[in-house]
Amino acid sequence: MSKALDAVVSLLDLEQIELDIFRGRSPQGERRQRVFGGQVAGQALVAAGRTVPADRPVHSLHAYFIRPGDPAVPLIYMVERVRDGRSFTTRRVTVVQHGETIFTLSASFHRPEPGFEHQDVMPDVPDPADVEPTSQRLRRLFGPGVEDYARDNPIELRHIGPLTVEAELDRSLRTSRNLVWLRADGELPDDPLLHVCLMTYASDMTLLDTVLLAHGVSWSEGLIAGASLDHAMWFHRPFRADQWLLYAQDSPTASDSRGLARGEVYTAAGQLVVSVVQEGLLRRRAPG
């Protein structure tokens, strides 16, 4: 396990400070001005999952990002046991900092049972072994100064299509489709909750890029202020986050400084395991 992945797994190991109340933290020396949204969502799902029997895996979550998180202080996760039914369990998590709610999550857990089965076919894409790691592509574009990106990223990414900075430089590369191979950068324990929480963490990393790709705009120019507004995930089948997963994303619309992005996550064998939808705020800053 890489140091970056080990650090994220440690972040997901919340401290229980009271029945149904947990404390989380952000990485030490965090250079972000606010807490990464995937971190809060992943930690909130850990808090919810810790109050549910292990034989009921999560099947969906719906979350709202209400205020920016402060990486300098702990995050308090308060779990409400909404319902414990014969087949379904429902939890609501409220995340508090500085006495204010910054994030809410509702999650539903379901006892597996037999039923109908079908799925969309995975897109035809190159194998991950045939796709250049995104860290190497960034190194070619920006030079050795991006070494921190590779070292500090717990999720290995391999973009099949253009990066936002490439679409910014070449209008012909603009697209509303974003195909990315990803996996945790190291071997993980056999804990199903950890795997879904790491996928929740990773799911927030590239979705808003999909909106920007359609317009040939990149984060690097410093003229875009972006933030996740809400986030929904459905977990269809078991998977391992430390094995290659294809994150097939698209953006059907953007308006009123908001962009919608969708994602489907497939195993390398072609099983559809997760669906994701997110709306994000994307505001243009005035130059200078």
Protein backbone atom coordinates (compact mmCIF):
# COMPACT_ATOMS: atom_id res chain seq x y z
CA MET A 1 0.00 0.00 0.00
CA SER A 2 1.36 3.43 -0.98
CA LYS A 3 1.84 6.06 1.70
CA ALA A 4 -0.93 8.16 0.15
CA LEU A 5 -3.40 5.25 0.20
CA ASP A 6 -2.37 4.28 3.72
CA ALA A 7 -3.10 7.87 4.80
CA VAL A 8 -6.59 7.81 3.28
CA VAL A 9 -7.40 4.41 4.82
CA SER A 10 -6.33 5.91 8.16
CA LEU A 11 -8.62 8.91 7.56
CA LEU A 12 -11.55 6.54 6.99
CA ASP A 13 -10.94 4.85 10.34
CA LEU A 14 -13.11 7.24 12.34
CA GLU A 15 -12.87 7.67 16.10
CA GLN A 16 -16.09 6.77 17.93
CA ILE A 17 -16.62 9.32 20.68
CA GLU A 18 -20.20 8.39 21.69
CA LEU A 19 -22.96 6.06 20.54
CA ASP A 20 -23.62 7.06 16.88
CA ILE A 21 -21.17 10.00 17.06
CA PHE A 22 -17.79 9.83 15.32
CA ARG A 23 -14.85 12.17 14.85
CA GLY A 24 -12.88 12.44 11.62
CA ARG A 25 -9.87 14.46 10.59
CA SER A 26 -8.25 15.78 7.44
CA PRO A 27 -4.69 15.06 6.27
CA GLN A 28 -2.00 16.86 8.24
CA GLY A 29 -0.35 19.61 6.26
CA GLU A 30 -3.33 19.74 3.90
CA ARG A 31 -2.78 22.49 1.36
CA ARG A 32 -6.41 22.73 0.33
CA GLN A 33 -8.43 25.70 1.53
CA ARG A 34 -11.36 23.36 2.16
CA VAL A 35 -11.86 19.68 2.82
CA PHE A 36 -12.01 17.48 -0.29
CA GLY A 37 -15.65 16.50 -0.89
CA GLY A 38 -14.84 12.85 -1.51
CA GLN A 39 -13.20 12.67 1.91
CA VAL A 40 -16.29 13.96 3.73
CA ALA A 41 -18.60 11.66 1.75
CA GLY A 42 -16.38 8.64 2.36
CA GLN A 43 -16.07 9.35 6.08
CA ALA A 44 -19.83 9.92 6.40
CA LEU A 45 -20.49 6.55 4.77
CA VAL A 46 -18.05 4.94 7.21
CA ALA A 47 -19.99 6.49 10.11
CA ALA A 48 -23.31 5.23 8.75
CA GLY A 49 -21.92 1.78 7.98
CA ARG A 50 -20.49 1.36 11.47
CA THR A 51 -24.08 1.37 12.82
CA VAL A 52 -25.41 -1.27 10.39
CA PRO A 53 -24.97 -5.08 10.49
CA ALA A 54 -22.23 -6.31 8.15
CA ASP A 55 -24.69 -8.50 6.22
CA ARG A 56 -26.49 -5.39 4.90
CA PRO A 57 -24.22 -3.62 2.38
CA VAL A 58 -24.97 -0.08 1.26
CA HIS A 59 -26.97 0.16 -1.96
CA SER A 60 -27.44 3.93 -2.27
CA LEU A 61 -26.44 7.29 -0.84
CA HIS A 62 -27.60 10.84 -1.42
CA ALA A 63 -25.54 13.74 -0.12
CA TYR A 64 -25.52 17.54 -0.04
CA PHE A 65 -22.43 19.72 0.34
CA ILE A 66 -23.75 22.65 2.37
CA ARG A 67 -20.67 24.58 3.52
CA PRO A 68 -16.93 24.27 2.81
CA GLY A 69 -15.15 22.06 5.32
CA ASP A 70 -12.22 23.42 7.34
CA PRO A 71 -9.24 21.03 7.03
CA ALA A 72 -7.65 22.48 10.20
CA VAL A 73 -10.27 21.19 12.65
CA PRO A 74 -11.95 17.80 13.26
CA LEU A 75 -15.24 16.84 11.60
CA ILE A 76 -18.03 15.52 13.82
CA TYR A 77 -20.28 12.84 12.25
CA MET A 78 -23.65 12.36 13.94
CA VAL A 79 -25.65 9.32 12.79
CA GLU A 80 -29.44 9.12 13.03
CA ARG A 81 -30.92 5.60 12.93
CA VAL A 82 -33.91 6.40 10.72
CA ARG A 83 -35.15 2.85 10.17
CA ASP A 84 -34.19 -0.77 10.78
CA GLY A 85 -36.52 -2.90 8.68
CA ARG A 86 -36.57 -6.57 7.75
CA SER A 87 -34.76 -5.95 4.45
CA PHE A 88 -33.64 -2.32 4.48
CA THR A 89 -31.78 -0.12 6.95
CA THR A 90 -31.70 3.68 6.61
CA ARG A 91 -29.24 6.10 8.18
CA ARG A 92 -28.88 9.87 8.07
CA VAL A 93 -25.52 11.50 8.82
CA THR A 94 -24.99 15.15 9.71
CA VAL A 95 -21.45 16.52 9.63
CA VAL A 96 -20.69 19.49 11.89
CA GLN A 97 -17.78 21.94 12.15
CA HIS A 98 -17.66 25.21 14.11
CA GLY A 99 -21.20 24.50 15.32
CA GLU A 100 -22.64 24.46 11.78
CA THR A 101 -23.78 21.68 9.47
CA ILE A 102 -21.44 21.42 6.48
CA PHE A 103 -22.67 18.16 4.89
CA THR A 104 -25.58 15.72 5.10
CA LEU A 105 -25.84 12.18 3.82
CA SER A 106 -28.69 9.69 3.68
CA ALA A 107 -27.70 6.08 3.04
CA SER A 108 -29.76 2.93 2.55
CA PHE A 109 -28.50 -0.58 3.24
CA HIS A 110 -30.14 -3.73 1.85
CA ARG A 111 -29.94 -7.40 2.72
CA PRO A 112 -28.99 -9.18 -0.56
CA GLU A 113 -31.80 -11.20 -2.13
CA PRO A 114 -32.38 -12.88 -5.53
CA GLY A 115 -34.21 -11.00 -8.30
CA PHE A 116 -34.05 -9.69 -11.86
CA GLU A 117 -30.60 -9.01 -13.35
CA HIS A 118 -29.51 -6.91 -16.34
CA GLN A 119 -27.00 -4.14 -17.07
CA ASP A 120 -25.64 -1.89 -19.80
CA VAL A 121 -22.58 -3.11 -21.67
CA MET A 122 -19.24 -1.60 -20.68
CA PRO A 123 -17.78 0.81 -23.28
CA ASP A 124 -15.14 -0.63 -25.59
CA VAL A 125 -11.90 0.81 -24.22
CA PRO A 126 -8.19 -0.11 -24.13
CA ASP A 127 -6.94 -2.23 -21.25
CA PRO A 128 -5.47 -0.17 -18.39
CA ALA A 129 -2.04 -1.65 -19.13
CA ASP A 130 -2.20 0.05 -22.56
CA VAL A 131 -3.14 3.49 -21.16
CA GLU A 132 -0.49 5.94 -19.96
CA PRO A 133 -0.78 6.81 -16.26
CA THR A 134 -2.23 10.28 -15.82
CA SER A 135 0.70 11.26 -13.59
CA GLN A 136 3.08 10.62 -16.51
CA ARG A 137 0.90 12.63 -18.89
CA LEU A 138 0.91 15.57 -16.47
CA ARG A 139 4.67 15.27 -16.13
CA ARG A 140 5.02 15.57 -19.89
CA LEU A 141 2.74 18.61 -19.94
CA PHE A 142 4.04 20.48 -16.90
CA GLY A 143 7.46 19.01 -16.17
CA PRO A 144 8.81 17.39 -13.00
CA GLY A 145 7.03 19.91 -10.77
CA VAL A 146 3.95 17.67 -10.72
CA GLU A 147 5.76 14.87 -8.87
CA ASP A 148 3.66 15.71 -5.80
CA TYR A 149 0.54 14.78 -7.76
CA ALA A 150 1.67 11.20 -8.23
CA ARG A 151 3.10 10.85 -4.75
CA ASP A 152 0.10 12.33 -2.90
CA ASN A 153 -2.71 10.68 -4.86
CA PRO A 154 -4.09 7.50 -3.20
CA ILE A 155 -5.99 6.63 -6.38
CA GLU A 156 -4.12 5.72 -9.55
CA LEU A 157 -5.79 7.32 -12.58
CA ARG A 158 -5.38 6.56 -16.27
CA HIS A 159 -7.40 8.87 -18.52
CA ILE A 160 -8.31 7.31 -21.84
CA GLY A 161 -9.43 10.57 -23.45
CA PRO A 162 -8.13 14.13 -23.19
CA LEU A 163 -7.33 15.93 -19.95
CA THR A 164 -9.02 19.28 -19.38
CA VAL A 165 -5.76 21.14 -20.02
CA GLU A 166 -5.38 19.32 -23.37
CA ALA A 167 -8.94 20.17 -24.40
CA GLU A 168 -8.23 23.79 -23.47
CA LEU A 169 -5.27 23.89 -25.86
CA ASP A 170 -6.98 22.00 -28.72
CA ARG A 171 -10.65 22.77 -29.44
CA SER A 172 -11.02 19.54 -31.44
CA LEU A 173 -10.57 17.55 -28.19
CA ARG A 174 -13.64 19.02 -26.52
CA THR A 175 -16.02 16.28 -25.41
CA SER A 176 -18.74 15.64 -22.86
CA ARG A 177 -17.43 12.09 -22.32
CA ASN A 178 -14.69 11.22 -19.82
CA LEU A 179 -13.33 7.67 -19.56
CA VAL A 180 -10.92 6.92 -16.72
CA TRP A 181 -9.40 3.70 -15.39
CA LEU A 182 -8.83 3.95 -11.64
CA ARG A 183 -7.85 1.83 -8.66
CA ALA A 184 -6.57 2.30 -5.14
CA ASP A 185 -2.77 2.54 -5.18
CA GLY A 186 -2.09 -0.61 -3.18
CA GLU A 187 -3.64 -3.78 -1.81
CA LEU A 188 -6.54 -3.32 0.61
CA PRO A 189 -7.96 -5.52 3.39
CA ASP A 190 -11.04 -7.66 2.68
CA ASP A 191 -13.49 -5.17 4.19
CA PRO A 192 -16.46 -4.48 1.84
CA LEU A 193 -17.33 -1.22 3.63
CA LEU A 194 -13.78 0.09 3.10
CA HIS A 195 -13.98 -0.66 -0.63
CA VAL A 196 -17.28 1.18 -1.15
CA CYS A 197 -16.05 4.10 0.97
CA LEU A 198 -12.86 4.39 -1.09
CA MET A 199 -14.93 4.36 -4.29
CA THR A 200 -17.07 7.10 -2.75
CA TYR A 201 -13.84 9.04 -2.09
CA ALA A 202 -12.61 8.49 -5.66
CA SER A 203 -15.95 9.23 -7.33
CA ASP A 204 -15.60 12.96 -6.60
CA MET A 205 -12.16 13.29 -8.23
CA THR A 206 -13.01 13.60 -11.95
CA LEU A 207 -16.76 14.24 -12.32
CA LEU A 208 -16.63 18.02 -12.66
CA ASP A 209 -13.74 17.66 -15.11
CA THR A 210 -16.31 16.05 -17.40
CA VAL A 211 -18.33 19.30 -17.45
CA LEU A 212 -15.23 21.39 -18.19
CA LEU A 213 -14.12 19.08 -21.00
CA ALA A 214 -17.19 20.04 -23.02
CA HIS A 215 -16.12 23.70 -22.94
CA GLY A 216 -12.36 23.44 -23.33
CA VAL A 217 -11.69 24.91 -19.90
CA SER A 218 -9.25 23.65 -17.27
CA TRP A 219 -8.69 24.23 -13.59
CA SER A 220 -5.07 25.20 -14.31
CA GLU A 221 -5.97 28.59 -15.73
CA GLY A 222 -7.30 29.66 -12.31
CA LEU A 223 -10.46 31.24 -13.75
CA ILE A 224 -12.93 28.59 -12.57
CA ALA A 225 -14.34 28.39 -9.04
CA GLY A 226 -15.84 24.94 -8.59
CA ALA A 227 -17.56 23.03 -5.82
CA SER A 228 -19.67 19.90 -5.51
CA LEU A 229 -23.29 20.68 -4.63
CA ASP A 230 -24.85 17.25 -4.30
CA HIS A 231 -23.79 13.69 -4.93
CA ALA A 232 -25.70 10.43 -5.36
CA MET A 233 -24.41 6.87 -5.73
CA TRP A 234 -26.01 3.47 -6.24
CA PHE A 235 -24.00 0.32 -5.50
CA HIS A 236 -25.22 -2.54 -7.68
CA ARG A 237 -22.74 -5.37 -7.16
CA PRO A 238 -19.70 -6.15 -4.98
CA PHE A 239 -16.28 -4.97 -6.18
CA ARG A 240 -12.76 -4.29 -4.98
CA ALA A 241 -11.42 -0.74 -5.08
CA ASP A 242 -7.84 -2.04 -5.38
CA GLN A 243 -8.58 -3.64 -8.76
CA TRP A 244 -9.00 -1.72 -12.01
CA LEU A 245 -12.37 -0.03 -12.43
CA LEU A 246 -13.54 1.90 -15.50
CA TYR A 247 -15.22 5.19 -14.57
CA ALA A 248 -17.30 6.09 -17.67
CA GLN A 249 -18.55 9.67 -17.20
CA ASP A 250 -20.60 12.11 -19.24
CA SER A 251 -22.14 15.56 -18.80
CA PRO A 252 -25.60 15.95 -20.35
CA THR A 253 -26.12 19.60 -19.43
CA ALA A 254 -24.72 22.77 -17.84
CA SER A 255 -26.61 25.99 -17.08
CA ASP A 256 -26.88 28.79 -14.50
CA SER A 257 -23.27 28.15 -13.36
CA ARG A 258 -24.16 24.53 -12.52
CA GLY A 259 -23.07 21.42 -14.38
CA LEU A 260 -24.46 17.89 -14.18
CA ALA A 261 -22.16 14.88 -14.51
CA ARG A 262 -22.98 11.17 -14.47
CA GLY A 263 -20.76 8.14 -14.10
CA GLU A 264 -20.96 4.38 -14.42
CA VAL A 265 -18.28 2.22 -12.82
CA TYR A 266 -17.38 -1.15 -14.36
CA THR A 267 -14.98 -3.87 -13.30
CA ALA A 268 -12.33 -4.91 -15.81
CA ALA A 269 -14.51 -7.97 -16.49
CA GLY A 270 -17.37 -5.70 -17.57
CA GLN A 271 -19.67 -5.81 -14.54
CA LEU A 272 -21.55 -2.57 -13.82
CA VAL A 273 -21.00 -2.07 -10.08
CA VAL A 274 -21.73 1.59 -9.28
CA SER A 275 -23.72 4.50 -10.76
CA VAL A 276 -22.98 8.12 -9.82
CA VAL A 277 -24.65 11.50 -10.43
CA GLN A 278 -23.35 14.86 -9.25
CA GLU A 279 -24.26 18.50 -9.77
CA GLY A 280 -21.49 21.01 -9.28
CA LEU A 281 -21.10 24.77 -9.10
CA LEU A 282 -18.77 26.14 -11.80
CA ARG A 283 -18.34 29.92 -11.81
CA ARG A 284 -16.05 31.90 -14.09
CA ARG A 285 -13.79 34.34 -12.26
CA ALA A 286 -12.96 37.65 -13.83
CA PRO A 287 -9.37 37.64 -15.23
CA GLY A 288 -6.83 39.40 -13.03
